[in-house]
């Protein structure tokens, strides 16, 4: 059994190394203007970029625009990618910057009133079903500040480690830890407020 696990682990590591080498080749080709390589990178990362943008912006309709802008910026400045880190951490840096720039525009920072969240929480007679729970989580995430939410999304949904998040957000690892702690604490506090309001209805 141990031997089988070791073989499986070796296969995974070998496959990941091959993928990394292929990506490095495609990036180098894209840097020299190869359109097929650019298409390869777009196909590989498009869904992940749109998903990341949607989670940060909290407006799925604007995620496509943000993703397109991020790719435009990335391919314009592809020559600045030196291959010191992983390509996706460099790309995610651009995505986060685009999204936070969009969030700074007028009318983006209106918070969801706690009353609206409470109405969502008590919207089902049978209590919180799966759909209501998801809506509640989405509404609570809307109330967390965009930079802190971006850090949380990179960790919990994209699976990046602390060092990778620090590279993407361009902050020290210690601040990544603080932001994640703050995001989770804020989420718990807001959830407790909603549950308390719900009990009083």
C-alpha atoms as a PDB file:
ATOM      1  CA  UNK A   1       0.000   0.000   0.000  1.00  0.00           C
ATOM      2  CA  UNK A   2       2.851   2.369   0.933  1.00  0.00           C
ATOM      3  CA  UNK A   3       4.567   1.610  -2.375  1.00  0.00           C
ATOM      4  CA  UNK A   4       1.383   2.372  -4.313  1.00  0.00           C
ATOM      5  CA  UNK A   5       1.047   5.732  -2.546  1.00  0.00           C
ATOM      6  CA  UNK A   6       4.672   6.576  -3.276  1.00  0.00           C
ATOM      7  CA  UNK A   7       4.150   5.698  -6.965  1.00  0.00           C
ATOM      8  CA  UNK A   8       0.977   7.788  -7.113  1.00  0.00           C
ATOM      9  CA  UNK A   9       2.720  10.749  -5.462  1.00  0.00           C
ATOM     10  CA  UNK A  10       5.662  10.422  -7.849  1.00  0.00           C
ATOM     11  CA  UNK A  11       3.250  10.410 -10.825  1.00  0.00           C
ATOM     12  CA  UNK A  12       1.508  13.564  -9.572  1.00  0.00           C
ATOM     13  CA  UNK A  13       4.809  15.390  -9.004  1.00  0.00           C
ATOM     14  CA  UNK A  14       6.091  14.305 -12.432  1.00  0.00           C
ATOM     15  CA  UNK A  15       2.867  15.472 -14.121  1.00  0.00           C
ATOM     16  CA  UNK A  16       2.986  18.839 -12.322  1.00  0.00           C
ATOM     17  CA  UNK A  17       6.639  19.319 -13.308  1.00  0.00           C
ATOM     18  CA  UNK A  18       5.767  18.550 -16.947  1.00  0.00           C
ATOM     19  CA  UNK A  19       2.871  21.047 -16.795  1.00  0.00           C
ATOM     20  CA  UNK A  20       5.179  23.708 -15.335  1.00  0.00           C
ATOM     21  CA  UNK A  21       7.729  23.124 -18.106  1.00  0.00           C
ATOM     22  CA  UNK A  22       5.020  23.327 -20.767  1.00  0.00           C
ATOM     23  CA  UNK A  23       3.665  26.539 -19.245  1.00  0.00           C
ATOM     24  CA  UNK A  24       7.167  28.063 -19.134  1.00  0.00           C
ATOM     25  CA  UNK A  25       7.571  27.220 -22.849  1.00  0.00           C
ATOM     26  CA  UNK A  26       4.203  28.775 -23.698  1.00  0.00           C
ATOM     27  CA  UNK A  27       4.971  31.923 -21.671  1.00  0.00           C
ATOM     28  CA  UNK A  28       8.331  32.320 -23.448  1.00  0.00           C
ATOM     29  CA  UNK A  29       6.615  31.907 -26.825  1.00  0.00           C
ATOM     30  CA  UNK A  30       3.870  34.380 -25.851  1.00  0.00           C
ATOM     31  CA  UNK A  31       6.533  36.905 -24.801  1.00  0.00           C
ATOM     32  CA  UNK A  32       7.898  36.744 -28.335  1.00  0.00           C
ATOM     33  CA  UNK A  33       4.424  37.441 -29.761  1.00  0.00           C
ATOM     34  CA  UNK A  34       3.293  33.895 -30.616  1.00  0.00           C
ATOM     35  CA  UNK A  35      -0.515  34.105 -30.852  1.00  0.00           C
ATOM     36  CA  UNK A  36      -1.023  30.355 -30.397  1.00  0.00           C
ATOM     37  CA  UNK A  37       0.857  30.561 -27.076  1.00  0.00           C
ATOM     38  CA  UNK A  38      -1.284  33.525 -25.991  1.00  0.00           C
ATOM     39  CA  UNK A  39      -4.396  31.486 -26.835  1.00  0.00           C
ATOM     40  CA  UNK A  40      -2.975  28.580 -24.812  1.00  0.00           C
ATOM     41  CA  UNK A  41      -2.529  30.807 -21.733  1.00  0.00           C
ATOM     42  CA  UNK A  42      -6.000  32.300 -22.199  1.00  0.00           C
ATOM     43  CA  UNK A  43      -7.575  28.851 -22.401  1.00  0.00           C
ATOM     44  CA  UNK A  44      -5.651  27.659 -19.333  1.00  0.00           C
ATOM     45  CA  UNK A  45      -6.494  30.598 -17.070  1.00  0.00           C
ATOM     46  CA  UNK A  46      -9.646  32.253 -18.365  1.00  0.00           C
ATOM     47  CA  UNK A  47     -12.138  30.431 -16.119  1.00  0.00           C
ATOM     48  CA  UNK A  48      -9.957  30.840 -13.036  1.00  0.00           C
ATOM     49  CA  UNK A  49      -9.515  34.570 -13.707  1.00  0.00           C
ATOM     50  CA  UNK A  50     -13.265  35.123 -14.238  1.00  0.00           C
ATOM     51  CA  UNK A  51     -14.037  33.156 -11.059  1.00  0.00           C
ATOM     52  CA  UNK A  52     -11.509  35.145  -9.025  1.00  0.00           C
ATOM     53  CA  UNK A  53     -12.857  38.451 -10.385  1.00  0.00           C
ATOM     54  CA  UNK A  54     -16.449  37.422  -9.630  1.00  0.00           C
ATOM     55  CA  UNK A  55     -15.584  36.607  -6.021  1.00  0.00           C
ATOM     56  CA  UNK A  56     -13.723  39.862  -5.459  1.00  0.00           C
ATOM     57  CA  UNK A  57     -16.181  42.132  -7.245  1.00  0.00           C
ATOM     58  CA  UNK A  58     -19.319  40.382  -5.960  1.00  0.00           C
ATOM     59  CA  UNK A  59     -20.919  41.315  -9.297  1.00  0.00           C
ATOM     60  CA  UNK A  60     -20.712  38.368 -11.690  1.00  0.00           C
ATOM     61  CA  UNK A  61     -21.813  40.558 -14.596  1.00  0.00           C
ATOM     62  CA  UNK A  62     -18.691  42.690 -14.238  1.00  0.00           C
ATOM     63  CA  UNK A  63     -16.315  39.750 -13.797  1.00  0.00           C
ATOM     64  CA  UNK A  64     -16.000  39.180 -17.561  1.00  0.00           C
ATOM     65  CA  UNK A  65     -15.041  42.838 -18.098  1.00  0.00           C
ATOM     66  CA  UNK A  66     -12.512  42.664 -15.275  1.00  0.00           C
ATOM     67  CA  UNK A  67     -11.052  39.418 -16.644  1.00  0.00           C
ATOM     68  CA  UNK A  68     -10.745  40.888 -20.133  1.00  0.00           C
ATOM     69  CA  UNK A  69      -9.029  44.018 -18.781  1.00  0.00           C
ATOM     70  CA  UNK A  70      -6.692  41.871 -16.670  1.00  0.00           C
ATOM     71  CA  UNK A  71      -5.676  39.767 -19.673  1.00  0.00           C
ATOM     72  CA  UNK A  72      -5.142  42.897 -21.801  1.00  0.00           C
ATOM     73  CA  UNK A  73      -2.870  44.354 -19.103  1.00  0.00           C
ATOM     74  CA  UNK A  74      -1.098  41.027 -18.610  1.00  0.00           C
ATOM     75  CA  UNK A  75      -0.314  40.487 -22.277  1.00  0.00           C
ATOM     76  CA  UNK A  76       0.776  44.104 -22.709  1.00  0.00           C
ATOM     77  CA  UNK A  77       3.287  43.729 -19.885  1.00  0.00           C
ATOM     78  CA  UNK A  78       4.171  40.059 -20.409  1.00  0.00           C
ATOM     79  CA  UNK A  79       7.787  41.064 -21.060  1.00  0.00           C
ATOM     80  CA  UNK A  80       8.009  42.120 -17.376  1.00  0.00           C
ATOM     81  CA  UNK A  81       7.320  38.540 -16.189  1.00  0.00           C
ATOM     82  CA  UNK A  82      10.771  37.154 -15.394  1.00  0.00           C
ATOM     83  CA  UNK A  83       9.731  33.656 -14.369  1.00  0.00           C
ATOM     84  CA  UNK A  84      10.943  34.082 -10.775  1.00  0.00           C
ATOM     85  CA  UNK A  85       7.563  33.036  -9.360  1.00  0.00           C
ATOM     86  CA  UNK A  86       4.732  31.058 -10.866  1.00  0.00           C
ATOM     87  CA  UNK A  87       2.888  32.609 -13.799  1.00  0.00           C
ATOM     88  CA  UNK A  88      -0.520  32.432 -12.116  1.00  0.00           C
ATOM     89  CA  UNK A  89       0.682  34.420  -9.077  1.00  0.00           C
ATOM     90  CA  UNK A  90       1.879  37.155 -11.433  1.00  0.00           C
ATOM     91  CA  UNK A  91      -1.419  37.015 -13.366  1.00  0.00           C
ATOM     92  CA  UNK A  92      -3.529  37.006 -10.172  1.00  0.00           C
ATOM     93  CA  UNK A  93      -1.674  40.147  -9.056  1.00  0.00           C
ATOM     94  CA  UNK A  94      -2.994  41.918 -12.140  1.00  0.00           C
ATOM     95  CA  UNK A  95      -6.522  40.526 -11.682  1.00  0.00           C
ATOM     96  CA  UNK A  96      -6.685  41.708  -8.068  1.00  0.00           C
ATOM     97  CA  UNK A  97      -5.372  45.161  -9.028  1.00  0.00           C
ATOM     98  CA  UNK A  98      -7.984  45.503 -11.803  1.00  0.00           C
ATOM     99  CA  UNK A  99     -10.790  44.421  -9.456  1.00  0.00           C
ATOM    100  CA  UNK A 100      -9.733  46.749  -6.646  1.00  0.00           C
ATOM    101  CA  UNK A 101      -9.467  49.617  -9.154  1.00  0.00           C
ATOM    102  CA  UNK A 102     -13.034  48.884 -10.267  1.00  0.00           C
ATOM    103  CA  UNK A 103     -14.200  48.740  -6.636  1.00  0.00           C
ATOM    104  CA  UNK A 104     -12.798  52.214  -6.036  1.00  0.00           C
ATOM    105  CA  UNK A 105     -15.170  53.680  -8.607  1.00  0.00           C
ATOM    106  CA  UNK A 106     -18.210  55.597  -7.354  1.00  0.00           C
ATOM    107  CA  UNK A 107     -21.146  53.572  -6.010  1.00  0.00           C
ATOM    108  CA  UNK A 108     -19.150  50.383  -5.573  1.00  0.00           C
ATOM    109  CA  UNK A 109     -18.746  50.669  -1.825  1.00  0.00           C
ATOM    110  CA  UNK A 110     -22.389  50.718  -0.776  1.00  0.00           C
ATOM    111  CA  UNK A 111     -22.758  48.069   1.907  1.00  0.00           C
ATOM    112  CA  UNK A 112     -25.672  45.697   2.119  1.00  0.00           C
ATOM    113  CA  UNK A 113     -27.845  46.825   5.067  1.00  0.00           C
ATOM    114  CA  UNK A 114     -28.003  44.333   7.938  1.00  0.00           C
ATOM    115  CA  UNK A 115     -31.807  44.368   7.595  1.00  0.00           C
ATOM    116  CA  UNK A 116     -31.521  42.993   4.054  1.00  0.00           C
ATOM    117  CA  UNK A 117     -29.308  40.172   5.268  1.00  0.00           C
ATOM    118  CA  UNK A 118     -31.773  39.408   8.067  1.00  0.00           C
ATOM    119  CA  UNK A 119     -34.631  39.252   5.551  1.00  0.00           C
ATOM    120  CA  UNK A 120     -32.560  36.760   3.547  1.00  0.00           C
ATOM    121  CA  UNK A 121     -31.861  34.700   6.653  1.00  0.00           C
ATOM    122  CA  UNK A 122     -35.559  34.406   7.550  1.00  0.00           C
ATOM    123  CA  UNK A 123     -36.806  34.178   3.976  1.00  0.00           C
ATOM    124  CA  UNK A 124     -37.567  30.485   4.211  1.00  0.00           C
ATOM    125  CA  UNK A 125     -40.238  29.098   6.538  1.00  0.00           C
ATOM    126  CA  UNK A 126     -38.291  25.857   6.779  1.00  0.00           C
ATOM    127  CA  UNK A 127     -35.206  27.652   8.085  1.00  0.00           C
ATOM    128  CA  UNK A 128     -31.980  28.125   6.163  1.00  0.00           C
ATOM    129  CA  UNK A 129     -31.933  25.793   3.200  1.00  0.00           C
ATOM    130  CA  UNK A 130     -28.918  25.364   0.931  1.00  0.00           C
ATOM    131  CA  UNK A 131     -29.910  28.242  -1.375  1.00  0.00           C
ATOM    132  CA  UNK A 132     -30.718  30.594   1.524  1.00  0.00           C
ATOM    133  CA  UNK A 133     -27.422  29.707   3.212  1.00  0.00           C
ATOM    134  CA  UNK A 134     -25.502  30.497   0.031  1.00  0.00           C
ATOM    135  CA  UNK A 135     -27.312  33.834  -0.385  1.00  0.00           C
ATOM    136  CA  UNK A 136     -26.571  34.668   3.250  1.00  0.00           C
ATOM    137  CA  UNK A 137     -22.873  33.883   2.814  1.00  0.00           C
ATOM    138  CA  UNK A 138     -22.761  36.008  -0.355  1.00  0.00           C
ATOM    139  CA  UNK A 139     -24.459  38.914   1.450  1.00  0.00           C
ATOM    140  CA  UNK A 140     -22.066  38.648   4.392  1.00  0.00           C
ATOM    141  CA  UNK A 141     -19.065  38.619   2.048  1.00  0.00           C
ATOM    142  CA  UNK A 142     -20.385  41.847   0.498  1.00  0.00           C
ATOM    143  CA  UNK A 143     -19.864  43.562   3.846  1.00  0.00           C
ATOM    144  CA  UNK A 144     -16.162  42.638   4.132  1.00  0.00           C
ATOM    145  CA  UNK A 145     -13.763  45.196   2.610  1.00  0.00           C
ATOM    146  CA  UNK A 146     -12.504  44.284  -0.911  1.00  0.00           C
ATOM    147  CA  UNK A 147      -8.768  43.865  -0.071  1.00  0.00           C
ATOM    148  CA  UNK A 148      -9.562  41.605   2.896  1.00  0.00           C
ATOM    149  CA  UNK A 149     -12.155  39.698   0.830  1.00  0.00           C
ATOM    150  CA  UNK A 150      -9.610  39.241  -1.986  1.00  0.00           C
ATOM    151  CA  UNK A 151      -7.163  37.698   0.489  1.00  0.00           C
ATOM    152  CA  UNK A 152      -9.872  35.356   1.787  1.00  0.00           C
ATOM    153  CA  UNK A 153     -10.900  34.318  -1.749  1.00  0.00           C
ATOM    154  CA  UNK A 154      -7.292  33.595  -2.753  1.00  0.00           C
ATOM    155  CA  UNK A 155      -6.854  31.364   0.302  1.00  0.00           C
ATOM    156  CA  UNK A 156     -10.210  29.611   0.640  1.00  0.00           C
ATOM    157  CA  UNK A 157     -11.355  29.363  -2.981  1.00  0.00           C
ATOM    158  CA  UNK A 158      -8.168  29.478  -5.055  1.00  0.00           C
ATOM    159  CA  UNK A 159      -6.097  27.459  -2.571  1.00  0.00           C
ATOM    160  CA  UNK A 160      -3.018  29.694  -2.647  1.00  0.00           C
ATOM    161  CA  UNK A 161      -0.574  29.411   0.246  1.00  0.00           C
ATOM    162  CA  UNK A 162       0.410  32.426   2.374  1.00  0.00           C
ATOM    163  CA  UNK A 163       3.575  33.165   0.384  1.00  0.00           C
ATOM    164  CA  UNK A 164       1.688  33.105  -2.933  1.00  0.00           C
ATOM    165  CA  UNK A 165      -1.042  35.377  -1.528  1.00  0.00           C
ATOM    166  CA  UNK A 166       1.660  37.769  -0.295  1.00  0.00           C
ATOM    167  CA  UNK A 167       3.070  37.903  -3.840  1.00  0.00           C
ATOM    168  CA  UNK A 168      -0.352  38.461  -5.424  1.00  0.00           C
ATOM    169  CA  UNK A 169      -1.427  41.137  -2.934  1.00  0.00           C
ATOM    170  CA  UNK A 170       2.088  42.606  -2.720  1.00  0.00           C
ATOM    171  CA  UNK A 171       2.046  42.603   1.082  1.00  0.00           C
ATOM    172  CA  UNK A 172       4.163  40.828   3.719  1.00  0.00           C
ATOM    173  CA  UNK A 173       3.182  37.300   4.768  1.00  0.00           C
ATOM    174  CA  UNK A 174       2.408  38.600   8.262  1.00  0.00           C
ATOM    175  CA  UNK A 175      -0.209  40.936   6.835  1.00  0.00           C
ATOM    176  CA  UNK A 176      -1.730  38.049   4.864  1.00  0.00           C
ATOM    177  CA  UNK A 177      -2.191  36.166   8.136  1.00  0.00           C
ATOM    178  CA  UNK A 178      -3.700  39.257   9.773  1.00  0.00           C
ATOM    179  CA  UNK A 179      -6.108  39.836   6.859  1.00  0.00           C
ATOM    180  CA  UNK A 180      -7.286  36.226   6.910  1.00  0.00           C
ATOM    181  CA  UNK A 181      -7.807  36.399  10.664  1.00  0.00           C
ATOM    182  CA  UNK A 182      -9.673  39.731  10.289  1.00  0.00           C
ATOM    183  CA  UNK A 183     -11.845  38.373   7.457  1.00  0.00           C
ATOM    184  CA  UNK A 184     -12.859  35.272   9.407  1.00  0.00           C
ATOM    185  CA  UNK A 185     -13.489  37.289  12.579  1.00  0.00           C
ATOM    186  CA  UNK A 186     -15.591  39.844  10.679  1.00  0.00           C
ATOM    187  CA  UNK A 187     -17.561  37.099   8.970  1.00  0.00           C
ATOM    188  CA  UNK A 188     -18.313  35.412  12.318  1.00  0.00           C
ATOM    189  CA  UNK A 189     -19.328  38.741  13.873  1.00  0.00           C
ATOM    190  CA  UNK A 190     -21.704  39.575  11.005  1.00  0.00           C
ATOM    191  CA  UNK A 191     -23.163  36.073  11.059  1.00  0.00           C
ATOM    192  CA  UNK A 192     -23.779  36.368  14.813  1.00  0.00           C
ATOM    193  CA  UNK A 193     -25.534  39.732  14.250  1.00  0.00           C
ATOM    194  CA  UNK A 194     -27.780  38.207  11.589  1.00  0.00           C
ATOM    195  CA  UNK A 195     -28.646  35.207  13.743  1.00  0.00           C
ATOM    196  CA  UNK A 196     -29.448  37.475  16.695  1.00  0.00           C
ATOM    197  CA  UNK A 197     -31.698  39.674  14.557  1.00  0.00           C
ATOM    198  CA  UNK A 198     -33.377  36.552  13.155  1.00  0.00           C
ATOM    199  CA  UNK A 199     -34.138  35.261  16.644  1.00  0.00           C
ATOM    200  CA  UNK A 200     -35.832  38.543  17.534  1.00  0.00           C
ATOM    201  CA  UNK A 201     -38.180  38.456  14.526  1.00  0.00           C
END
